[in-house]
Amino acid sequence: MRALVQRVTEAVVRVDGQIVGQIERGLCVFVGVTHDDTTDQARALAAKVWHLRVFDDAVGMMNRSAADTAGQVMIVSQFTLYGSTAKGRRPTYVAAAPGLVAEPLIDEVVRELRVLGAKVATGRFGADMAVSLVNDGPVTLWVEL
């Protein structure tokens, strides 16, 4: 399981022009799932994201997490995080889990974040989504379990 985490001042996901998810200050997290990922990994990813210290403290150091700052979290499924460009010019996505495997694990990440206390918004699994965000910093991290 892997995630691209961006600290944002806002993020919005639209499907067919309609807003399906929206957050203010927090984290926009693009999540990819591979074939052998587990619910334990989904829970661990949620905890890792929720406790990443990427928000500034009183002296401007990144010492605070979304958990510390009541930051919001946007979860967006993104199978292309498992795309390989090792050969040729067209990425291959064979490492990405099929929807029947990936969707329940994405849902588990969302569930666990909510259990931890996060206000979570989401995209729509399998949809053609338009994601707009304002990266704050910019702060962008790659998280892989």
N, C-alpha and C. Protein backbone atom coordinates (compact mmCIF):
# COMPACT_ATOMS: atom_id res chain seq x y z
N MET A 1 0.86 -1.16 0.00
CA MET A 1 0.00 0.00 0.00
C MET A 1 0.90 1.22 0.00
N ARG A 2 0.53 2.18 -0.80
CA ARG A 2 1.32 3.41 -0.85
C ARG A 2 0.41 4.62 -0.93
N ALA A 3 0.97 5.75 -0.51
CA ALA A 3 0.19 6.98 -0.50
C ALA A 3 1.08 8.17 -0.83
N LEU A 4 0.51 9.08 -1.57
CA LEU A 4 1.12 10.38 -1.81
C LEU A 4 0.34 11.36 -0.96
N VAL A 5 1.03 11.96 0.03
CA VAL A 5 0.38 12.82 1.02
C VAL A 5 0.80 14.25 0.76
N GLN A 6 -0.19 15.13 0.64
CA GLN A 6 0.09 16.54 0.45
C GLN A 6 -0.61 17.36 1.53
N ARG A 7 0.17 18.26 2.15
CA ARG A 7 -0.43 19.20 3.10
C ARG A 7 -1.13 20.27 2.27
N VAL A 8 -2.39 20.53 2.56
CA VAL A 8 -3.18 21.44 1.74
C VAL A 8 -3.91 22.48 2.58
N THR A 9 -4.21 23.59 1.95
CA THR A 9 -5.10 24.57 2.58
C THR A 9 -6.54 24.30 2.18
N GLU A 10 -6.73 23.56 1.08
CA GLU A 10 -8.05 23.13 0.64
C GLU A 10 -7.90 22.07 -0.43
N ALA A 11 -8.92 21.22 -0.54
CA ALA A 11 -8.97 20.22 -1.60
C ALA A 11 -10.43 19.91 -1.91
N VAL A 12 -10.70 19.70 -3.20
CA VAL A 12 -12.06 19.41 -3.66
C VAL A 12 -11.97 18.31 -4.70
N VAL A 13 -12.90 17.35 -4.63
CA VAL A 13 -13.01 16.30 -5.64
C VAL A 13 -14.38 16.43 -6.28
N ARG A 14 -14.36 16.47 -7.61
CA ARG A 14 -15.61 16.54 -8.38
C ARG A 14 -15.73 15.31 -9.28
N VAL A 15 -16.96 14.85 -9.42
CA VAL A 15 -17.29 13.79 -10.37
C VAL A 15 -18.46 14.32 -11.20
N ASP A 16 -18.28 14.33 -12.51
CA ASP A 16 -19.30 14.88 -13.42
C ASP A 16 -19.71 16.29 -13.02
N GLY A 17 -18.73 17.09 -12.58
CA GLY A 17 -18.97 18.49 -12.24
C GLY A 17 -19.56 18.70 -10.85
N GLN A 18 -19.92 17.64 -10.15
CA GLN A 18 -20.51 17.75 -8.82
C GLN A 18 -19.47 17.47 -7.74
N ILE A 19 -19.46 18.28 -6.69
CA ILE A 19 -18.54 18.06 -5.58
C ILE A 19 -18.96 16.81 -4.82
N VAL A 20 -18.01 15.87 -4.69
CA VAL A 20 -18.28 14.66 -3.91
C VAL A 20 -17.48 14.63 -2.61
N GLY A 21 -16.45 15.47 -2.52
CA GLY A 21 -15.64 15.56 -1.32
C GLY A 21 -14.94 16.89 -1.26
N GLN A 22 -14.81 17.45 -0.05
CA GLN A 22 -14.17 18.75 0.09
C GLN A 22 -13.63 18.88 1.50
N ILE A 23 -12.40 19.42 1.61
CA ILE A 23 -11.82 19.72 2.92
C ILE A 23 -11.20 21.10 2.89
N GLU A 24 -10.97 21.61 4.09
CA GLU A 24 -10.19 22.82 4.25
C GLU A 24 -8.79 22.39 4.66
N ARG A 25 -8.16 23.09 5.56
CA ARG A 25 -6.78 22.79 5.97
C ARG A 25 -6.63 21.34 6.43
N GLY A 26 -5.66 20.67 5.85
CA GLY A 26 -5.43 19.28 6.24
C GLY A 26 -4.52 18.56 5.28
N LEU A 27 -4.87 17.30 5.00
CA LEU A 27 -4.05 16.44 4.14
C LEU A 27 -4.90 15.88 3.01
N CYS A 28 -4.37 15.96 1.81
CA CYS A 28 -4.96 15.28 0.66
C CYS A 28 -4.09 14.06 0.40
N VAL A 29 -4.71 12.87 0.47
CA VAL A 29 -3.95 11.63 0.42
C VAL A 29 -4.44 10.77 -0.74
N PHE A 30 -3.55 10.56 -1.70
CA PHE A 30 -3.83 9.67 -2.83
C PHE A 30 -3.33 8.29 -2.43
N VAL A 31 -4.20 7.29 -2.48
CA VAL A 31 -3.87 5.96 -1.98
C VAL A 31 -3.92 4.93 -3.10
N GLY A 32 -2.84 4.15 -3.20
CA GLY A 32 -2.78 3.04 -4.15
C GLY A 32 -2.68 1.73 -3.41
N VAL A 33 -3.30 0.70 -3.99
CA VAL A 33 -3.34 -0.63 -3.37
C VAL A 33 -2.76 -1.63 -4.36
N THR A 34 -1.93 -2.55 -3.85
CA THR A 34 -1.41 -3.63 -4.67
C THR A 34 -2.04 -4.95 -4.23
N HIS A 35 -1.76 -6.01 -4.95
CA HIS A 35 -2.47 -7.29 -4.81
C HIS A 35 -2.42 -7.92 -3.42
N ASP A 36 -1.31 -7.81 -2.73
CA ASP A 36 -1.18 -8.51 -1.45
C ASP A 36 -1.34 -7.61 -0.23
N ASP A 37 -1.89 -6.43 -0.40
CA ASP A 37 -2.14 -5.54 0.74
C ASP A 37 -3.23 -6.12 1.63
N THR A 38 -3.18 -5.73 2.90
CA THR A 38 -4.09 -6.29 3.90
C THR A 38 -4.82 -5.19 4.67
N THR A 39 -5.84 -5.59 5.42
CA THR A 39 -6.55 -4.62 6.26
C THR A 39 -5.63 -4.08 7.35
N ASP A 40 -4.70 -4.89 7.84
CA ASP A 40 -3.74 -4.38 8.83
C ASP A 40 -2.90 -3.26 8.24
N GLN A 41 -2.49 -3.41 6.98
CA GLN A 41 -1.72 -2.35 6.32
C GLN A 41 -2.58 -1.10 6.13
N ALA A 42 -3.84 -1.28 5.80
CA ALA A 42 -4.75 -0.14 5.63
C ALA A 42 -4.87 0.63 6.94
N ARG A 43 -5.02 -0.09 8.04
CA ARG A 43 -5.11 0.56 9.36
C ARG A 43 -3.80 1.26 9.72
N ALA A 44 -2.70 0.61 9.42
CA ALA A 44 -1.38 1.21 9.71
C ALA A 44 -1.17 2.47 8.87
N LEU A 45 -1.60 2.44 7.62
CA LEU A 45 -1.46 3.62 6.76
C LEU A 45 -2.29 4.77 7.33
N ALA A 46 -3.50 4.48 7.75
CA ALA A 46 -4.36 5.51 8.33
C ALA A 46 -3.68 6.14 9.55
N ALA A 47 -3.15 5.32 10.44
CA ALA A 47 -2.49 5.83 11.64
C ALA A 47 -1.26 6.65 11.28
N LYS A 48 -0.50 6.17 10.32
CA LYS A 48 0.71 6.89 9.88
C LYS A 48 0.34 8.27 9.36
N VAL A 49 -0.64 8.34 8.48
CA VAL A 49 -1.07 9.62 7.90
C VAL A 49 -1.59 10.56 9.00
N TRP A 50 -2.43 10.05 9.88
CA TRP A 50 -3.04 10.87 10.92
C TRP A 50 -2.00 11.45 11.88
N HIS A 51 -0.90 10.73 12.07
CA HIS A 51 0.10 11.17 13.04
C HIS A 51 1.38 11.74 12.40
N LEU A 52 1.40 11.88 11.07
CA LEU A 52 2.57 12.50 10.42
C LEU A 52 2.73 13.94 10.90
N ARG A 53 3.91 14.28 11.35
CA ARG A 53 4.14 15.63 11.87
C ARG A 53 4.59 16.54 10.73
N VAL A 54 3.60 17.12 10.06
CA VAL A 54 3.88 17.97 8.89
C VAL A 54 3.28 19.37 9.02
N PHE A 55 2.70 19.66 10.18
CA PHE A 55 2.13 20.99 10.42
C PHE A 55 3.02 21.74 11.39
N ASP A 56 3.11 23.05 11.20
CA ASP A 56 4.00 23.88 12.01
C ASP A 56 3.52 24.02 13.45
N ASP A 57 4.50 24.04 14.35
CA ASP A 57 4.21 24.37 15.74
C ASP A 57 4.36 25.87 15.93
N ALA A 58 4.38 26.33 17.17
CA ALA A 58 4.43 27.76 17.47
C ALA A 58 5.70 28.44 16.98
N VAL A 59 6.78 27.67 16.77
CA VAL A 59 8.03 28.28 16.32
C VAL A 59 8.32 27.97 14.84
N GLY A 60 7.32 27.45 14.14
CA GLY A 60 7.48 27.23 12.71
C GLY A 60 8.13 25.91 12.31
N MET A 61 8.28 25.00 13.25
CA MET A 61 8.84 23.68 12.95
C MET A 61 7.70 22.69 12.67
N MET A 62 7.94 21.78 11.75
CA MET A 62 6.92 20.77 11.46
C MET A 62 6.94 19.71 12.55
N ASN A 63 6.22 20.00 13.63
CA ASN A 63 6.17 19.11 14.79
C ASN A 63 4.76 18.69 15.16
N ARG A 64 3.77 19.10 14.37
CA ARG A 64 2.38 18.79 14.71
C ARG A 64 1.75 17.96 13.60
N SER A 65 0.86 17.09 14.00
CA SER A 65 0.17 16.21 13.05
C SER A 65 -1.25 16.70 12.81
N ALA A 66 -1.93 16.05 11.87
CA ALA A 66 -3.35 16.34 11.66
C ALA A 66 -4.12 16.05 12.94
N ALA A 67 -3.72 15.03 13.66
CA ALA A 67 -4.36 14.70 14.94
C ALA A 67 -4.22 15.84 15.93
N ASP A 68 -3.08 16.52 15.92
CA ASP A 68 -2.81 17.62 16.84
C ASP A 68 -3.53 18.90 16.46
N THR A 69 -3.82 19.07 15.18
CA THR A 69 -4.32 20.34 14.66
C THR A 69 -5.77 20.30 14.21
N ALA A 70 -6.44 19.17 14.43
CA ALA A 70 -7.82 18.98 13.94
C ALA A 70 -7.87 19.15 12.42
N GLY A 71 -6.78 18.78 11.77
CA GLY A 71 -6.74 18.85 10.32
C GLY A 71 -7.70 17.85 9.70
N GLN A 72 -8.21 18.19 8.54
CA GLN A 72 -9.11 17.31 7.82
C GLN A 72 -8.31 16.45 6.85
N VAL A 73 -8.90 15.35 6.40
CA VAL A 73 -8.20 14.42 5.51
C VAL A 73 -9.10 14.10 4.32
N MET A 74 -8.54 14.24 3.13
CA MET A 74 -9.21 13.83 1.89
C MET A 74 -8.52 12.56 1.41
N ILE A 75 -9.27 11.48 1.23
CA ILE A 75 -8.73 10.23 0.71
C ILE A 75 -9.23 10.04 -0.72
N VAL A 76 -8.27 9.86 -1.64
CA VAL A 76 -8.59 9.67 -3.05
C VAL A 76 -7.90 8.40 -3.52
N SER A 77 -8.68 7.43 -3.98
CA SER A 77 -8.07 6.20 -4.51
C SER A 77 -7.37 6.53 -5.82
N GLN A 78 -6.19 5.94 -6.02
CA GLN A 78 -5.44 6.22 -7.23
C GLN A 78 -4.58 5.02 -7.62
N PHE A 79 -5.12 4.19 -8.50
CA PHE A 79 -4.40 2.99 -8.92
C PHE A 79 -3.13 3.32 -9.66
N THR A 80 -3.03 4.52 -10.24
CA THR A 80 -1.84 4.87 -11.01
C THR A 80 -0.60 5.01 -10.15
N LEU A 81 -0.74 5.04 -8.82
CA LEU A 81 0.44 5.05 -7.95
C LEU A 81 1.23 3.76 -8.09
N TYR A 82 0.60 2.72 -8.62
CA TYR A 82 1.30 1.46 -8.88
C TYR A 82 1.63 1.31 -10.36
N GLY A 83 1.61 2.39 -11.09
CA GLY A 83 2.02 2.35 -12.49
C GLY A 83 3.52 2.21 -12.61
N SER A 84 3.96 1.43 -13.60
CA SER A 84 5.38 1.27 -13.85
C SER A 84 5.71 1.86 -15.22
N THR A 85 6.77 2.66 -15.25
CA THR A 85 7.24 3.24 -16.51
C THR A 85 8.63 2.70 -16.86
N ALA A 86 8.96 1.54 -16.31
CA ALA A 86 10.29 0.97 -16.51
C ALA A 86 10.58 0.65 -17.97
N LYS A 87 9.56 0.24 -18.72
CA LYS A 87 9.76 -0.09 -20.13
C LYS A 87 8.81 0.72 -20.98
N GLY A 88 9.32 1.21 -22.08
CA GLY A 88 8.47 1.92 -23.03
C GLY A 88 7.95 3.24 -22.52
N ARG A 89 6.93 3.72 -23.21
CA ARG A 89 6.36 5.03 -22.88
C ARG A 89 4.95 4.94 -22.33
N ARG A 90 4.36 3.76 -22.35
CA ARG A 90 3.02 3.59 -21.80
C ARG A 90 3.14 2.87 -20.46
N PRO A 91 2.67 3.50 -19.39
CA PRO A 91 2.75 2.84 -18.09
C PRO A 91 1.93 1.55 -18.07
N THR A 92 2.40 0.60 -17.28
CA THR A 92 1.65 -0.62 -17.03
C THR A 92 1.17 -0.59 -15.58
N TYR A 93 -0.01 -1.11 -15.36
CA TYR A 93 -0.62 -1.04 -14.04
C TYR A 93 -0.86 -2.44 -13.45
N VAL A 94 -0.06 -3.41 -13.87
CA VAL A 94 -0.26 -4.78 -13.40
C VAL A 94 -0.05 -4.91 -11.89
N ALA A 95 0.70 -4.02 -11.28
CA ALA A 95 0.93 -4.09 -9.84
C ALA A 95 -0.24 -3.53 -9.04
N ALA A 96 -1.13 -2.80 -9.70
CA ALA A 96 -2.30 -2.25 -9.01
C ALA A 96 -3.33 -3.35 -8.78
N ALA A 97 -3.89 -3.37 -7.58
CA ALA A 97 -4.92 -4.36 -7.27
C ALA A 97 -6.20 -4.05 -8.03
N PRO A 98 -6.95 -5.07 -8.41
CA PRO A 98 -8.25 -4.83 -9.04
C PRO A 98 -9.22 -4.20 -8.04
N GLY A 99 -10.26 -3.61 -8.55
CA GLY A 99 -11.23 -2.91 -7.71
C GLY A 99 -11.81 -3.75 -6.59
N LEU A 100 -12.07 -5.02 -6.84
CA LEU A 100 -12.66 -5.88 -5.81
C LEU A 100 -11.73 -6.05 -4.61
N VAL A 101 -10.43 -5.92 -4.83
CA VAL A 101 -9.44 -5.99 -3.75
C VAL A 101 -9.20 -4.60 -3.17
N ALA A 102 -9.05 -3.62 -4.04
CA ALA A 102 -8.64 -2.28 -3.61
C ALA A 102 -9.73 -1.50 -2.87
N GLU A 103 -10.95 -1.56 -3.36
CA GLU A 103 -12.00 -0.72 -2.76
C GLU A 103 -12.22 -0.99 -1.28
N PRO A 104 -12.32 -2.25 -0.83
CA PRO A 104 -12.50 -2.47 0.61
C PRO A 104 -11.31 -1.97 1.45
N LEU A 105 -10.12 -2.00 0.88
CA LEU A 105 -8.94 -1.52 1.62
C LEU A 105 -8.92 0.00 1.71
N ILE A 106 -9.34 0.67 0.64
CA ILE A 106 -9.48 2.13 0.69
C ILE A 106 -10.54 2.48 1.74
N ASP A 107 -11.65 1.75 1.72
CA ASP A 107 -12.71 1.99 2.71
C ASP A 107 -12.19 1.77 4.14
N GLU A 108 -11.30 0.80 4.32
CA GLU A 108 -10.73 0.55 5.65
C GLU A 108 -9.84 1.70 6.10
N VAL A 109 -9.08 2.28 5.19
CA VAL A 109 -8.27 3.46 5.54
C VAL A 109 -9.20 4.57 6.04
N VAL A 110 -10.28 4.81 5.32
CA VAL A 110 -11.24 5.85 5.69
C VAL A 110 -11.86 5.54 7.06
N ARG A 111 -12.30 4.31 7.25
CA ARG A 111 -12.91 3.90 8.53
C ARG A 111 -11.95 4.12 9.69
N GLU A 112 -10.72 3.68 9.50
CA GLU A 112 -9.73 3.79 10.58
C GLU A 112 -9.41 5.25 10.90
N LEU A 113 -9.30 6.08 9.89
CA LEU A 113 -9.08 7.51 10.14
C LEU A 113 -10.22 8.09 10.97
N ARG A 114 -11.43 7.71 10.65
CA ARG A 114 -12.59 8.21 11.42
C ARG A 114 -12.55 7.69 12.85
N VAL A 115 -12.16 6.44 13.05
CA VAL A 115 -12.02 5.89 14.40
C VAL A 115 -10.98 6.69 15.18
N LEU A 116 -9.93 7.11 14.51
CA LEU A 116 -8.86 7.88 15.15
C LEU A 116 -9.28 9.32 15.45
N GLY A 117 -10.41 9.75 14.88
CA GLY A 117 -10.91 11.10 15.16
C GLY A 117 -10.85 12.06 14.00
N ALA A 118 -10.48 11.60 12.83
CA ALA A 118 -10.34 12.49 11.68
C ALA A 118 -11.70 12.81 11.06
N LYS A 119 -11.82 14.04 10.58
CA LYS A 119 -12.92 14.40 9.70
C LYS A 119 -12.43 14.05 8.29
N VAL A 120 -13.09 13.10 7.64
CA VAL A 120 -12.60 12.56 6.38
C VAL A 120 -13.60 12.82 5.26
N ALA A 121 -13.09 13.28 4.13
CA ALA A 121 -13.85 13.37 2.89
C ALA A 121 -13.18 12.42 1.90
N THR A 122 -13.92 12.03 0.88
CA THR A 122 -13.37 11.08 -0.08
C THR A 122 -13.74 11.46 -1.50
N GLY A 123 -13.00 10.86 -2.41
CA GLY A 123 -13.41 10.86 -3.80
C GLY A 123 -14.42 9.75 -3.98
N ARG A 124 -14.61 9.32 -5.22
CA ARG A 124 -15.51 8.21 -5.51
C ARG A 124 -14.72 7.12 -6.21
N PHE A 125 -14.64 5.97 -5.59
CA PHE A 125 -13.83 4.87 -6.10
C PHE A 125 -14.25 4.53 -7.53
N GLY A 126 -13.26 4.42 -8.41
CA GLY A 126 -13.49 4.01 -9.79
C GLY A 126 -14.02 5.08 -10.72
N ALA A 127 -14.34 6.25 -10.18
CA ALA A 127 -14.89 7.32 -11.00
C ALA A 127 -13.77 8.13 -11.66
N ASP A 128 -14.13 8.83 -12.70
CA ASP A 128 -13.23 9.79 -13.33
C ASP A 128 -13.35 11.07 -12.50
N MET A 129 -12.36 11.32 -11.64
CA MET A 129 -12.42 12.42 -10.68
C MET A 129 -11.57 13.59 -11.13
N ALA A 130 -12.05 14.78 -10.82
CA ALA A 130 -11.27 16.01 -10.99
C ALA A 130 -10.91 16.48 -9.59
N VAL A 131 -9.61 16.47 -9.30
CA VAL A 131 -9.14 16.83 -7.97
C VAL A 131 -8.46 18.20 -8.05
N SER A 132 -8.94 19.13 -7.23
CA SER A 132 -8.33 20.45 -7.13
C SER A 132 -7.80 20.60 -5.71
N LEU A 133 -6.58 21.10 -5.60
CA LEU A 133 -6.03 21.30 -4.25
C LEU A 133 -5.03 22.43 -4.27
N VAL A 134 -4.82 23.00 -3.10
CA VAL A 134 -3.78 24.00 -2.92
C VAL A 134 -2.77 23.38 -1.96
N ASN A 135 -1.62 23.01 -2.51
CA ASN A 135 -0.55 22.40 -1.72
C ASN A 135 0.07 23.50 -0.87
N ASP A 136 0.14 23.28 0.43
CA ASP A 136 0.64 24.25 1.39
C ASP A 136 2.09 23.96 1.71
N GLY A 137 2.97 24.83 1.32
CA GLY A 137 4.39 24.68 1.64
C GLY A 137 5.31 24.90 0.45
N PRO A 138 5.35 24.04 -0.51
CA PRO A 138 4.63 22.79 -0.65
C PRO A 138 5.22 21.69 0.22
N VAL A 139 4.33 20.88 0.77
CA VAL A 139 4.72 19.69 1.53
C VAL A 139 4.08 18.50 0.84
N THR A 140 4.90 17.60 0.33
CA THR A 140 4.45 16.37 -0.33
C THR A 140 5.34 15.22 0.12
N LEU A 141 4.71 14.14 0.59
CA LEU A 141 5.46 12.99 1.10
C LEU A 141 4.96 11.71 0.46
N TRP A 142 5.90 10.78 0.25
CA TRP A 142 5.59 9.45 -0.24
C TRP A 142 5.61 8.52 0.96
N VAL A 143 4.51 7.80 1.18
CA VAL A 143 4.42 6.86 2.30
C VAL A 143 4.17 5.49 1.72
N GLU A 144 4.99 4.53 2.11
CA GLU A 144 4.82 3.17 1.59
C GLU A 144 4.94 2.17 2.74
N LEU A 145 3.99 1.23 2.77
CA LEU A 145 4.00 0.20 3.82
C LEU A 145 4.26 -1.14 3.19
